[in-house]
PDB file of N, CA and C in Angstrom:
ATOM      1  N   MET A   1       0.934  -1.139   0.010  1.00  0.00           N
ATOM      2  CA  MET A   1       0.140  -0.064  -0.010  1.00  0.00           C
ATOM      3  C   MET A   1       0.868   1.260  -0.007  1.00  0.00           C
ATOM      4  N   LYS A   2       0.531   2.210  -0.732  1.00  0.00           N
ATOM      5  CA  LYS A   2       1.325   3.513  -0.862  1.00  0.00           C
ATOM      6  C   LYS A   2       1.119   4.265   0.372  1.00  0.00           C
ATOM      7  N   ASP A   3       2.294   4.938   0.764  1.00  0.00           N
ATOM      8  CA  ASP A   3       2.209   5.831   1.987  1.00  0.00           C
ATOM      9  C   ASP A   3       1.477   7.062   1.497  1.00  0.00           C
ATOM     10  N   ASN A   4       0.686   7.414   2.523  1.00  0.00           N
ATOM     11  CA  ASN A   4      -0.192   8.657   2.304  1.00  0.00           C
ATOM     12  C   ASN A   4       0.583   9.906   3.091  1.00  0.00           C
ATOM     13  N   VAL A   5       1.223  10.744   2.325  1.00  0.00           N
ATOM     14  CA  VAL A   5       2.161  11.766   2.934  1.00  0.00           C
ATOM     15  C   VAL A   5       1.347  12.709   3.753  1.00  0.00           C
ATOM     16  N   ILE A   6       0.218  13.236   3.162  1.00  0.00           N
ATOM     17  CA  ILE A   6      -0.537  14.258   3.999  1.00  0.00           C
ATOM     18  C   ILE A   6      -1.180  13.579   5.310  1.00  0.00           C
ATOM     19  N   GLN A   7      -1.566  12.429   5.197  1.00  0.00           N
ATOM     20  CA  GLN A   7      -2.039  11.640   6.436  1.00  0.00           C
ATOM     21  C   GLN A   7      -1.020  11.594   7.391  1.00  0.00           C
ATOM     22  N   GLN A   8       0.179  11.181   7.145  1.00  0.00           N
ATOM     23  CA  GLN A   8       1.253  11.094   8.119  1.00  0.00           C
ATOM     24  C   GLN A   8       1.712  12.424   8.535  1.00  0.00           C
ATOM     25  N   MET A   9       1.817  13.451   7.688  1.00  0.00           N
ATOM     26  CA  MET A   9       2.140  14.837   7.913  1.00  0.00           C
ATOM     27  C   MET A   9       1.207  15.435   8.983  1.00  0.00           C
ATOM     28  N   THR A  10       0.030  15.277   8.703  1.00  0.00           N
ATOM     29  CA  THR A  10      -1.009  15.800   9.655  1.00  0.00           C
ATOM     30  C   THR A  10      -1.085  15.141  10.959  1.00  0.00           C
ATOM     31  N   PHE A  11      -0.908  13.896  10.931  1.00  0.00           N
ATOM     32  CA  PHE A  11      -0.747  13.151  12.223  1.00  0.00           C
ATOM     33  C   PHE A  11       0.486  13.708  13.117  1.00  0.00           C
ATOM     34  N   ASP A  12       1.600  13.680  12.451  1.00  0.00           N
ATOM     35  CA  ASP A  12       2.810  14.253  13.059  1.00  0.00           C
ATOM     36  C   ASP A  12       2.614  15.787  13.551  1.00  0.00           C
ATOM     37  N   PHE A  13       2.093  16.464  12.774  1.00  0.00           N
ATOM     38  CA  PHE A  13       1.723  17.949  13.286  1.00  0.00           C
ATOM     39  C   PHE A  13       0.762  18.000  14.433  1.00  0.00           C
ATOM     40  N   SER A  14      -0.259  17.155  14.478  1.00  0.00           N
ATOM     41  CA  SER A  14      -1.146  17.007  15.580  1.00  0.00           C
ATOM     42  C   SER A  14      -0.311  16.694  16.858  1.00  0.00           C
ATOM     43  N   LEU A  15       0.633  15.712  16.766  1.00  0.00           N
ATOM     44  CA  LEU A  15       1.412  15.371  17.936  1.00  0.00           C
ATOM     45  C   LEU A  15       2.171  16.556  18.365  1.00  0.00           C
ATOM     46  N   LYS A  16       2.794  17.414  17.532  1.00  0.00           N
ATOM     47  CA  LYS A  16       3.533  18.669  17.761  1.00  0.00           C
ATOM     48  C   LYS A  16       2.640  19.678  18.453  1.00  0.00           C
ATOM     49  N   ILE A  17       1.359  19.764  18.080  1.00  0.00           N
ATOM     50  CA  ILE A  17       0.426  20.615  18.625  1.00  0.00           C
ATOM     51  C   ILE A  17       0.067  20.194  19.958  1.00  0.00           C
ATOM     52  N   ILE A  18      -0.046  18.983  20.271  1.00  0.00           N
ATOM     53  CA  ILE A  18      -0.406  18.480  21.513  1.00  0.00           C
ATOM     54  C   ILE A  18       0.754  18.892  22.528  1.00  0.00           C
ATOM     55  N   TYR A  19       1.972  18.646  22.079  1.00  0.00           N
ATOM     56  CA  TYR A  19       3.198  18.925  22.933  1.00  0.00           C
ATOM     57  C   TYR A  19       3.249  20.474  23.203  1.00  0.00           C
ATOM     58  N   LEU A  20       2.977  21.286  22.143  1.00  0.00           N
ATOM     59  CA  LEU A  20       2.925  22.707  22.387  1.00  0.00           C
ATOM     60  C   LEU A  20       1.860  23.135  23.341  1.00  0.00           C
ATOM     61  N   TYR A  21       0.721  22.462  23.202  1.00  0.00           N
ATOM     62  CA  TYR A  21      -0.423  22.743  24.104  1.00  0.00           C
ATOM     63  C   TYR A  21      -0.074  22.486  25.484  1.00  0.00           C
ATOM     64  N   LYS A  22       0.581  21.436  25.761  1.00  0.00           N
ATOM     65  CA  LYS A  22       1.007  21.060  27.049  1.00  0.00           C
ATOM     66  C   LYS A  22       1.969  22.125  27.668  1.00  0.00           C
ATOM     67  N   GLN A  23       2.843  22.513  26.866  1.00  0.00           N
ATOM     68  CA  GLN A  23       3.807  23.593  27.284  1.00  0.00           C
ATOM     69  C   GLN A  23       3.138  24.808  27.692  1.00  0.00           C
ATOM     70  N   LEU A  24       2.100  25.252  26.825  1.00  0.00           N
ATOM     71  CA  LEU A  24       1.465  26.553  26.996  1.00  0.00           C
ATOM     72  C   LEU A  24       0.609  26.373  28.311  1.00  0.00           C
ATOM     73  N   GLN A  25       0.058  25.145  28.570  1.00  0.00           N
ATOM     74  CA  GLN A  25      -0.805  25.077  29.902  1.00  0.00           C
ATOM     75  C   GLN A  25       0.081  25.050  30.938  1.00  0.00           C
ATOM     76  N   GLU A  26       1.393  24.533  30.891  1.00  0.00           N
ATOM     77  CA  GLU A  26       2.299  24.642  32.103  1.00  0.00           C
ATOM     78  C   GLU A  26       2.665  26.111  32.312  1.00  0.00           C
ATOM     79  N   ASN A  27       2.644  26.923  31.262  1.00  0.00           N
ATOM     80  CA  ASN A  27       2.853  28.366  31.476  1.00  0.00           C
ATOM     81  C   ASN A  27       1.544  29.173  31.729  1.00  0.00           C
ATOM     82  N   LYS A  28       0.465  28.563  32.103  1.00  0.00           N
ATOM     83  CA  LYS A  28      -0.809  29.181  32.470  1.00  0.00           C
ATOM     84  C   LYS A  28      -1.386  29.771  31.335  1.00  0.00           C
ATOM     85  N   GLU A  29      -1.228  29.371  30.067  1.00  0.00           N
ATOM     86  CA  GLU A  29      -1.959  29.888  28.959  1.00  0.00           C
ATOM     87  C   GLU A  29      -3.152  28.956  28.638  1.00  0.00           C
ATOM     88  N   PHE A  30      -4.328  29.319  28.898  1.00  0.00           N
ATOM     89  CA  PHE A  30      -5.395  28.357  28.736  1.00  0.00           C
ATOM     90  C   PHE A  30      -6.336  28.551  27.590  1.00  0.00           C
ATOM     91  N   VAL A  31      -6.448  29.837  27.305  1.00  0.00           N
ATOM     92  CA  VAL A  31      -7.539  30.104  26.259  1.00  0.00           C
ATOM     93  C   VAL A  31      -7.052  29.982  24.842  1.00  0.00           C
ATOM     94  N   LEU A  32      -5.943  30.651  24.433  1.00  0.00           N
ATOM     95  CA  LEU A  32      -5.470  30.456  23.081  1.00  0.00           C
ATOM     96  C   LEU A  32      -4.866  28.969  22.781  1.00  0.00           C
ATOM     97  N   SER A  33      -4.273  28.383  23.801  1.00  0.00           N
ATOM     98  CA  SER A  33      -3.730  27.055  23.638  1.00  0.00           C
ATOM     99  C   SER A  33      -4.860  26.138  23.304  1.00  0.00           C
ATOM    100  N   LYS A  34      -6.072  26.253  23.807  1.00  0.00           N
ATOM    101  CA  LYS A  34      -7.227  25.409  23.650  1.00  0.00           C
ATOM    102  C   LYS A  34      -7.678  25.617  22.200  1.00  0.00           C
ATOM    103  N   GLN A  35      -7.708  26.787  21.739  1.00  0.00           N
ATOM    104  CA  GLN A  35      -8.014  27.058  20.345  1.00  0.00           C
ATOM    105  C   GLN A  35      -7.127  26.348  19.430  1.00  0.00           C
ATOM    106  N   LEU A  36      -5.698  26.478  19.715  1.00  0.00           N
ATOM    107  CA  LEU A  36      -4.636  25.987  18.990  1.00  0.00           C
ATOM    108  C   LEU A  36      -4.851  24.342  18.879  1.00  0.00           C
ATOM    109  N   LEU A  37      -5.041  23.860  20.027  1.00  0.00           N
ATOM    110  CA  LEU A  37      -5.302  22.277  20.205  1.00  0.00           C
ATOM    111  C   LEU A  37      -6.438  21.869  19.283  1.00  0.00           C
ATOM    112  N   ARG A  38      -7.461  22.552  19.300  1.00  0.00           N
ATOM    113  CA  ARG A  38      -8.756  22.153  18.595  1.00  0.00           C
ATOM    114  C   ARG A  38      -8.571  22.233  17.070  1.00  0.00           C
ATOM    115  N   SER A  39      -7.960  23.408  16.645  1.00  0.00           N
ATOM    116  CA  SER A  39      -7.863  23.457  15.264  1.00  0.00           C
ATOM    117  C   SER A  39      -6.601  22.765  14.688  1.00  0.00           C
ATOM    118  N   GLY A  40      -5.613  22.652  15.483  1.00  0.00           N
ATOM    119  CA  GLY A  40      -4.338  21.870  14.986  1.00  0.00           C
ATOM    120  C   GLY A  40      -4.591  20.359  14.858  1.00  0.00           C
ATOM    121  N   THR A  41      -5.430  19.827  15.726  1.00  0.00           N
ATOM    122  CA  THR A  41      -5.573  18.387  15.680  1.00  0.00           C
ATOM    123  C   THR A  41      -6.810  18.063  14.708  1.00  0.00           C
ATOM    124  N   SER A  42      -7.594  19.037  14.542  1.00  0.00           N
ATOM    125  CA  SER A  42      -8.775  18.790  13.496  1.00  0.00           C
ATOM    126  C   SER A  42      -8.289  18.696  12.141  1.00  0.00           C
ATOM    127  N   ILE A  43      -7.187  19.185  11.825  1.00  0.00           N
ATOM    128  CA  ILE A  43      -6.644  19.091  10.368  1.00  0.00           C
ATOM    129  C   ILE A  43      -6.523  17.464   9.947  1.00  0.00           C
ATOM    130  N   GLY A  44      -5.854  16.790  10.861  1.00  0.00           N
ATOM    131  CA  GLY A  44      -5.452  15.416  10.596  1.00  0.00           C
ATOM    132  C   GLY A  44      -6.848  14.560  10.588  1.00  0.00           C
ATOM    133  N   ALA A  45      -7.771  14.974  11.578  1.00  0.00           N
ATOM    134  CA  ALA A  45      -9.009  14.309  11.686  1.00  0.00           C
ATOM    135  C   ALA A  45      -9.898  14.499  10.439  1.00  0.00           C
ATOM    136  N   ASN A  46      -9.759  15.565   9.809  1.00  0.00           N
ATOM    137  CA  ASN A  46     -10.517  15.803   8.570  1.00  0.00           C
ATOM    138  C   ASN A  46      -9.849  15.207   7.467  1.00  0.00           C
ATOM    139  N   VAL A  47      -8.578  15.048   7.485  1.00  0.00           N
ATOM    140  CA  VAL A  47      -7.816  14.190   6.531  1.00  0.00           C
ATOM    141  C   VAL A  47      -8.293  12.761   6.467  1.00  0.00           C
ATOM    142  N   GLU A  48      -8.306  12.281   7.633  1.00  0.00           N
ATOM    143  CA  GLU A  48      -8.742  10.866   7.857  1.00  0.00           C
ATOM    144  C   GLU A  48     -10.159  10.737   7.297  1.00  0.00           C
ATOM    145  N   GLU A  49     -11.060  11.647   7.545  1.00  0.00           N
ATOM    146  CA  GLU A  49     -12.513  11.563   7.069  1.00  0.00           C
ATOM    147  C   GLU A  49     -12.441  11.594   5.583  1.00  0.00           C
ATOM    148  N   ALA A  50     -11.515  12.425   4.997  1.00  0.00           N
ATOM    149  CA  ALA A  50     -11.525  12.574   3.447  1.00  0.00           C
ATOM    150  C   ALA A  50     -11.084  11.167   2.928  1.00  0.00           C
ATOM    151  N   ILE A  51     -10.188  10.520   3.603  1.00  0.00           N
ATOM    152  CA  ILE A  51      -9.581   9.200   3.051  1.00  0.00           C
ATOM    153  C   ILE A  51     -10.770   8.172   2.929  1.00  0.00           C
ATOM    154  N   ALA A  52     -11.791   8.304   3.859  1.00  0.00           N
ATOM    155  CA  ALA A  52     -12.865   7.400   3.849  1.00  0.00           C
ATOM    156  C   ALA A  52     -14.140   8.038   3.073  1.00  0.00           C
ATOM    157  N   ALA A  53     -13.959   9.069   2.327  1.00  0.00           N
ATOM    158  CA  ALA A  53     -15.016   9.693   1.731  1.00  0.00           C
ATOM    159  C   ALA A  53     -15.842   8.918   0.862  1.00  0.00           C
ATOM    160  N   GLN A  54     -17.205   9.043   0.613  1.00  0.00           N
ATOM    161  CA  GLN A  54     -17.957   8.431  -0.137  1.00  0.00           C
ATOM    162  C   GLN A  54     -18.011   8.716  -1.657  1.00  0.00           C
ATOM    163  N   SER A  55     -17.399   9.918  -2.044  1.00  0.00           N
ATOM    164  CA  SER A  55     -17.278  10.327  -3.215  1.00  0.00           C
ATOM    165  C   SER A  55     -16.194  11.335  -3.452  1.00  0.00           C
ATOM    166  N   LYS A  56     -15.780  11.749  -4.726  1.00  0.00           N
ATOM    167  CA  LYS A  56     -14.927  12.710  -4.904  1.00  0.00           C
ATOM    168  C   LYS A  56     -15.372  14.157  -4.362  1.00  0.00           C
ATOM    169  N   LYS A  57     -16.562  14.385  -4.498  1.00  0.00           N
ATOM    170  CA  LYS A  57     -17.057  15.691  -3.978  1.00  0.00           C
ATOM    171  C   LYS A  57     -16.916  15.647  -2.393  1.00  0.00           C
ATOM    172  N   ASP A  58     -17.325  14.607  -1.665  1.00  0.00           N
ATOM    173  CA  ASP A  58     -17.068  14.437  -0.355  1.00  0.00           C
ATOM    174  C   ASP A  58     -15.725  14.537   0.090  1.00  0.00           C
ATOM    175  N   PHE A  59     -14.833  14.025  -0.733  1.00  0.00           N
ATOM    176  CA  PHE A  59     -13.302  14.002  -0.524  1.00  0.00           C
ATOM    177  C   PHE A  59     -12.834  15.419  -0.507  1.00  0.00           C
ATOM    178  N   VAL A  60     -13.233  16.256  -1.460  1.00  0.00           N
ATOM    179  CA  VAL A  60     -12.863  17.528  -1.655  1.00  0.00           C
ATOM    180  C   VAL A  60     -13.400  18.430  -0.382  1.00  0.00           C
ATOM    181  N   ALA A  61     -14.667  18.157  -0.188  1.00  0.00           N
ATOM    182  CA  ALA A  61     -15.283  18.949   1.033  1.00  0.00           C
ATOM    183  C   ALA A  61     -14.477  18.772   2.275  1.00  0.00           C
ATOM    184  N   LYS A  62     -14.062  17.429   2.516  1.00  0.00           N
ATOM    185  CA  LYS A  62     -13.367  17.122   3.834  1.00  0.00           C
ATOM    186  C   LYS A  62     -11.999  17.796   3.830  1.00  0.00           C
ATOM    187  N   LEU A  63     -11.346  17.582   2.655  1.00  0.00           N
ATOM    188  CA  LEU A  63     -10.083  18.330   2.675  1.00  0.00           C
ATOM    189  C   LEU A  63     -10.143  19.846   2.659  1.00  0.00           C
ATOM    190  N   SER A  64     -11.215  20.345   2.149  1.00  0.00           N
ATOM    191  CA  SER A  64     -11.415  21.868   2.326  1.00  0.00           C
ATOM    192  C   SER A  64     -11.539  22.269   3.656  1.00  0.00           C
ATOM    193  N   ILE A  65     -12.258  21.441   4.416  1.00  0.00           N
ATOM    194  CA  ILE A  65     -12.362  21.722   5.922  1.00  0.00           C
ATOM    195  C   ILE A  65     -10.962  21.594   6.597  1.00  0.00           C
ATOM    196  N   ALA A  66     -10.203  20.638   6.280  1.00  0.00           N
ATOM    197  CA  ALA A  66      -8.937  20.522   6.690  1.00  0.00           C
ATOM    198  C   ALA A  66      -8.041  21.765   6.469  1.00  0.00           C
ATOM    199  N   CYS A  67      -8.162  22.254   5.320  1.00  0.00           N
ATOM    200  CA  CYS A  67      -7.463  23.347   4.824  1.00  0.00           C
ATOM    201  C   CYS A  67      -7.857  24.589   5.595  1.00  0.00           C
ATOM    202  N   LYS A  68      -9.094  24.799   5.900  1.00  0.00           N
ATOM    203  CA  LYS A  68      -9.601  25.942   6.803  1.00  0.00           C
ATOM    204  C   LYS A  68      -9.023  25.739   8.183  1.00  0.00           C
ATOM    205  N   GLU A  69      -9.001  24.602   8.623  1.00  0.00           N
ATOM    206  CA  GLU A  69      -8.494  24.368  10.010  1.00  0.00           C
ATOM    207  C   GLU A  69      -7.164  24.672  10.109  1.00  0.00           C
ATOM    208  N   ALA A  70      -6.325  24.359   8.921  1.00  0.00           N
ATOM    209  CA  ALA A  70      -4.847  24.650   8.814  1.00  0.00           C
ATOM    210  C   ALA A  70      -4.608  26.138   8.832  1.00  0.00           C
ATOM    211  N   ARG A  71      -5.425  26.809   8.156  1.00  0.00           N
ATOM    212  CA  ARG A  71      -5.463  28.320   8.170  1.00  0.00           C
ATOM    213  C   ARG A  71      -5.617  28.996   9.582  1.00  0.00           C
ATOM    214  N   GLU A  72      -6.685  28.408  10.238  1.00  0.00           N
ATOM    215  CA  GLU A  72      -6.988  28.922  11.561  1.00  0.00           C
ATOM    216  C   GLU A  72      -5.918  28.597  12.523  1.00  0.00           C
ATOM    217  N   THR A  73      -5.243  27.455  12.388  1.00  0.00           N
ATOM    218  CA  THR A  73      -4.217  26.969  13.186  1.00  0.00           C
ATOM    219  C   THR A  73      -2.995  27.971  13.084  1.00  0.00           C
ATOM    220  N   LYS A  74      -2.683  28.310  11.819  1.00  0.00           N
ATOM    221  CA  LYS A  74      -1.699  29.320  11.394  1.00  0.00           C
ATOM    222  C   LYS A  74      -1.914  30.568  12.095  1.00  0.00           C
ATOM    223  N   TYR A  75      -3.206  31.115  12.169  1.00  0.00           N
ATOM    224  CA  TYR A  75      -3.615  32.276  12.847  1.00  0.00           C
ATOM    225  C   TYR A  75      -3.334  32.188  14.391  1.00  0.00           C
ATOM    226  N   TRP A  76      -3.674  31.058  15.003  1.00  0.00           N
ATOM    227  CA  TRP A  76      -3.268  31.011  16.422  1.00  0.00           C
ATOM    228  C   TRP A  76      -1.894  30.939  16.817  1.00  0.00           C
ATOM    229  N   LEU A  77      -1.091  30.244  15.868  1.00  0.00           N
ATOM    230  CA  LEU A  77       0.361  30.371  16.033  1.00  0.00           C
ATOM    231  C   LEU A  77       0.895  31.650  15.939  1.00  0.00           C
ATOM    232  N   LYS A  78       0.422  32.420  15.016  1.00  0.00           N
ATOM    233  CA  LYS A  78       1.013  33.753  14.810  1.00  0.00           C
ATOM    234  C   LYS A  78       0.537  34.647  15.999  1.00  0.00           C
ATOM    235  N   LEU A  79      -0.649  34.503  16.436  1.00  0.00           N
ATOM    236  CA  LEU A  79      -1.105  35.237  17.591  1.00  0.00           C
ATOM    237  C   LEU A  79      -0.353  34.941  18.838  1.00  0.00           C
ATOM    238  N   LEU A  80      -0.065  33.635  19.147  1.00  0.00           N
ATOM    239  CA  LEU A  80       0.758  33.291  20.283  1.00  0.00           C
ATOM    240  C   LEU A  80       2.202  33.709  20.228  1.00  0.00           C
ATOM    241  N   HIS A  81       2.778  33.763  19.004  1.00  0.00           N
ATOM    242  CA  HIS A  81       3.949  34.237  18.789  1.00  0.00           C
ATOM    243  C   HIS A  81       4.100  35.855  18.979  1.00  0.00           C
ATOM    244  N   GLN A  82       3.207  36.548  18.362  1.00  0.00           N
ATOM    245  CA  GLN A  82       3.081  37.998  18.511  1.00  0.00           C
ATOM    246  C   GLN A  82       2.893  38.447  19.947  1.00  0.00           C
ATOM    247  N   SER A  83       2.265  37.566  20.575  1.00  0.00           N
ATOM    248  CA  SER A  83       2.029  37.987  22.107  1.00  0.00           C
ATOM    249  C   SER A  83       3.039  37.423  23.069  1.00  0.00           C
ATOM    250  N   ASN A  84       4.192  36.924  22.380  1.00  0.00           N
ATOM    251  CA  ASN A  84       5.353  36.356  23.157  1.00  0.00           C
ATOM    252  C   ASN A  84       5.135  35.325  24.049  1.00  0.00           C
ATOM    253  N   MET A  85       4.198  34.373  23.606  1.00  0.00           N
ATOM    254  CA  MET A  85       3.967  33.238  24.226  1.00  0.00           C
ATOM    255  C   MET A  85       4.732  31.961  23.772  1.00  0.00           C
ATOM    256  N   THR A  86       5.261  32.169  22.480  1.00  0.00           N
ATOM    257  CA  THR A  86       6.183  31.083  21.933  1.00  0.00           C
ATOM    258  C   THR A  86       7.512  31.859  21.658  1.00  0.00           C
ATOM    259  N   ASN A  87       8.527  30.978  21.553  1.00  0.00           N
ATOM    260  CA  ASN A  87       9.768  31.484  21.048  1.00  0.00           C
ATOM    261  C   ASN A  87       9.908  31.371  19.673  1.00  0.00           C
ATOM    262  N   ASN A  88      10.878  31.954  19.024  1.00  0.00           N
ATOM    263  CA  ASN A  88      11.094  32.029  17.677  1.00  0.00           C
ATOM    264  C   ASN A  88      11.387  30.663  17.085  1.00  0.00           C
ATOM    265  N   ILE A  89      12.053  29.762  17.765  1.00  0.00           N
ATOM    266  CA  ILE A  89      12.324  28.437  17.236  1.00  0.00           C
ATOM    267  C   ILE A  89      11.214  27.609  17.127  1.00  0.00           C
ATOM    268  N   ILE A  90      10.364  27.574  18.166  1.00  0.00           N
ATOM    269  CA  ILE A  90       9.000  26.883  18.098  1.00  0.00           C
ATOM    270  C   ILE A  90       8.110  27.409  17.097  1.00  0.00           C
ATOM    271  N   TYR A  91       7.896  28.812  16.928  1.00  0.00           N
ATOM    272  CA  TYR A  91       7.183  29.340  16.033  1.00  0.00           C
ATOM    273  C   TYR A  91       7.548  29.022  14.595  1.00  0.00           C
ATOM    274  N   ASP A  92       8.784  29.134  14.279  1.00  0.00           N
ATOM    275  CA  ASP A  92       9.221  28.895  12.988  1.00  0.00           C
ATOM    276  C   ASP A  92       9.075  27.499  12.511  1.00  0.00           C
ATOM    277  N   GLU A  93       9.381  26.613  13.481  1.00  0.00           N
ATOM    278  CA  GLU A  93       9.193  25.198  13.209  1.00  0.00           C
ATOM    279  C   GLU A  93       7.683  24.771  12.865  1.00  0.00           C
ATOM    280  N   HIS A  94       6.789  25.308  13.739  1.00  0.00           N
ATOM    281  CA  HIS A  94       5.294  24.965  13.492  1.00  0.00           C
ATOM    282  C   HIS A  94       4.826  25.713  12.257  1.00  0.00           C
ATOM    283  N   LEU A  95       5.298  26.871  11.973  1.00  0.00           N
ATOM    284  CA  LEU A  95       4.838  27.722  10.862  1.00  0.00           C
ATOM    285  C   LEU A  95       5.267  26.949   9.561  1.00  0.00           C
ATOM    286  N   LYS A  96       6.586  26.509   9.603  1.00  0.00           N
ATOM    287  CA  LYS A  96       6.974  25.759   8.385  1.00  0.00           C
ATOM    288  C   LYS A  96       6.166  24.589   8.117  1.00  0.00           C
ATOM    289  N   MET A  97       5.975  23.880   9.221  1.00  0.00           N
ATOM    290  CA  MET A  97       5.039  22.565   8.958  1.00  0.00           C
ATOM    291  C   MET A  97       3.650  22.941   8.492  1.00  0.00           C
ATOM    292  N   ILE A  98       3.065  23.841   9.018  1.00  0.00           N
ATOM    293  CA  ILE A  98       1.627  24.178   8.699  1.00  0.00           C
ATOM    294  C   ILE A  98       1.513  24.780   7.307  1.00  0.00           C
ATOM    295  N   GLU A  99       2.520  25.512   6.767  1.00  0.00           N
ATOM    296  CA  GLU A  99       2.620  25.982   5.470  1.00  0.00           C
ATOM    297  C   GLU A  99       2.834  24.856   4.477  1.00  0.00           C
ATOM    298  N   SER A 100       3.563  23.919   4.865  1.00  0.00           N
ATOM    299  CA  SER A 100       3.641  22.602   4.078  1.00  0.00           C
ATOM    300  C   SER A 100       2.398  21.917   3.948  1.00  0.00           C
ATOM    301  N   VAL A 101       1.811  21.790   5.034  1.00  0.00           N
ATOM    302  CA  VAL A 101       0.460  21.099   5.119  1.00  0.00           C
ATOM    303  C   VAL A 101      -0.517  21.826   4.130  1.00  0.00           C
ATOM    304  N   LEU A 102      -0.551  23.138   4.333  1.00  0.00           N
ATOM    305  CA  LEU A 102      -1.500  24.018   3.474  1.00  0.00           C
ATOM    306  C   LEU A 102      -1.129  23.895   2.019  1.00  0.00           C
ATOM    307  N   ASN A 103       0.066  23.925   1.682  1.00  0.00           N
ATOM    308  CA  ASN A 103       0.423  23.823   0.205  1.00  0.00           C
ATOM    309  C   ASN A 103       0.015  22.379  -0.363  1.00  0.00           C
ATOM    310  N   ILE A 104       0.354  21.281   0.389  1.00  0.00           N
ATOM    311  CA  ILE A 104      -0.147  20.010  -0.091  1.00  0.00           C
ATOM    312  C   ILE A 104      -1.514  19.800  -0.220  1.00  0.00           C
ATOM    313  N   LEU A 105      -2.306  20.286   0.919  1.00  0.00           N
ATOM    314  CA  LEU A 105      -3.771  20.207   0.844  1.00  0.00           C
ATOM    315  C   LEU A 105      -4.322  21.024  -0.376  1.00  0.00           C
ATOM    316  N   THR A 106      -3.823  22.169  -0.610  1.00  0.00           N
ATOM    317  CA  THR A 106      -4.347  22.975  -1.786  1.00  0.00           C
ATOM    318  C   THR A 106      -4.071  22.286  -2.939  1.00  0.00           C
ATOM    319  N   LYS A 107      -2.919  21.705  -3.250  1.00  0.00           N
ATOM    320  CA  LYS A 107      -2.480  21.042  -4.397  1.00  0.00           C
ATOM    321  C   LYS A 107      -3.529  19.802  -4.670  1.00  0.00           C
ATOM    322  N   ILE A 108      -3.752  19.078  -3.489  1.00  0.00           N
ATOM    323  CA  ILE A 108      -4.634  17.947  -3.667  1.00  0.00           C
ATOM    324  C   ILE A 108      -6.015  18.263  -3.987  1.00  0.00           C
ATOM    325  N   ILE A 109      -6.562  19.338  -3.477  1.00  0.00           N
ATOM    326  CA  ILE A 109      -7.851  19.771  -3.762  1.00  0.00           C
ATOM    327  C   ILE A 109      -7.959  20.352  -5.163  1.00  0.00           C
ATOM    328  N   LYS A 110      -7.018  21.118  -5.569  1.00  0.00           N
ATOM    329  CA  LYS A 110      -7.040  21.645  -6.986  1.00  0.00           C
ATOM    330  C   LYS A 110      -6.918  20.594  -7.915  1.00  0.00           C
ATOM    331  N   THR A 111      -6.008  19.582  -7.752  1.00  0.00           N
ATOM    332  CA  THR A 111      -5.797  18.504  -8.769  1.00  0.00           C
ATOM    333  C   THR A 111      -7.197  17.619  -8.792  1.00  0.00           C
ATOM    334  N   THR A 112      -7.765  17.420  -7.660  1.00  0.00           N
ATOM    335  CA  THR A 112      -9.029  16.517  -7.602  1.00  0.00           C
ATOM    336  C   THR A 112     -10.102  17.167  -8.332  1.00  0.00           C
ATOM    337  N   LYS A 113     -10.269  18.502  -8.112  1.00  0.00           N
ATOM    338  CA  LYS A 113     -11.364  19.269  -8.778  1.00  0.00           C
ATOM    339  C   LYS A 113     -11.098  19.231 -10.260  1.00  0.00           C
ATOM    340  N   GLU A 114      -9.846  19.372 -10.721  1.00  0.00           N
ATOM    341  CA  GLU A 114      -9.550  19.428 -12.182  1.00  0.00           C
ATOM    342  C   GLU A 114      -9.847  18.030 -12.822  1.00  0.00           C
ATOM    343  N   ASN A 115      -9.447  17.053 -12.077  1.00  0.00           N
ATOM    344  CA  ASN A 115      -9.578  15.712 -12.635  1.00  0.00           C
ATOM    345  C   ASN A 115     -10.947  14.982 -12.550  1.00  0.00           C
ATOM    346  N   HIS A 116     -11.634  15.389 -11.554  1.00  0.00           N
ATOM    347  CA  HIS A 116     -12.775  14.439 -11.248  1.00  0.00           C
ATOM    348  C   HIS A 116     -14.116  15.341 -11.090  1.00  0.00           C
ATOM    349  N   LEU A 117     -14.116  16.645 -11.003  1.00  0.00           N
ATOM    350  CA  LEU A 117     -15.329  17.361 -10.777  1.00  0.00           C
ATOM    351  C   LEU A 117     -15.643  18.251 -11.917  1.00  0.00           C
TER     352      LEU A 117
END
């Protein structure tokens, strides 16, 4: 069976978000960290749903939701960084990952629409 790059990438990203969430909680940041946890782990969950989609249209819809969640996650990361709740290394690492996820999701959605819808 062929490896699913976006599936593995979003799972790995979810784990990194959980770790960051724990760090933020230890530093008594409860509101933004919860938002980050929800959107950051939702990306992979929606990719999993897309893999089990009933149609190409359903597949695109689920990946589109994953893309929206990725954009929201990017927003929370930027907000945490600009409010000095994360350091540059953590921010840069997570930002690089989420931008890669967004690029791949966008390409998959575009290609699927062009070829199947």
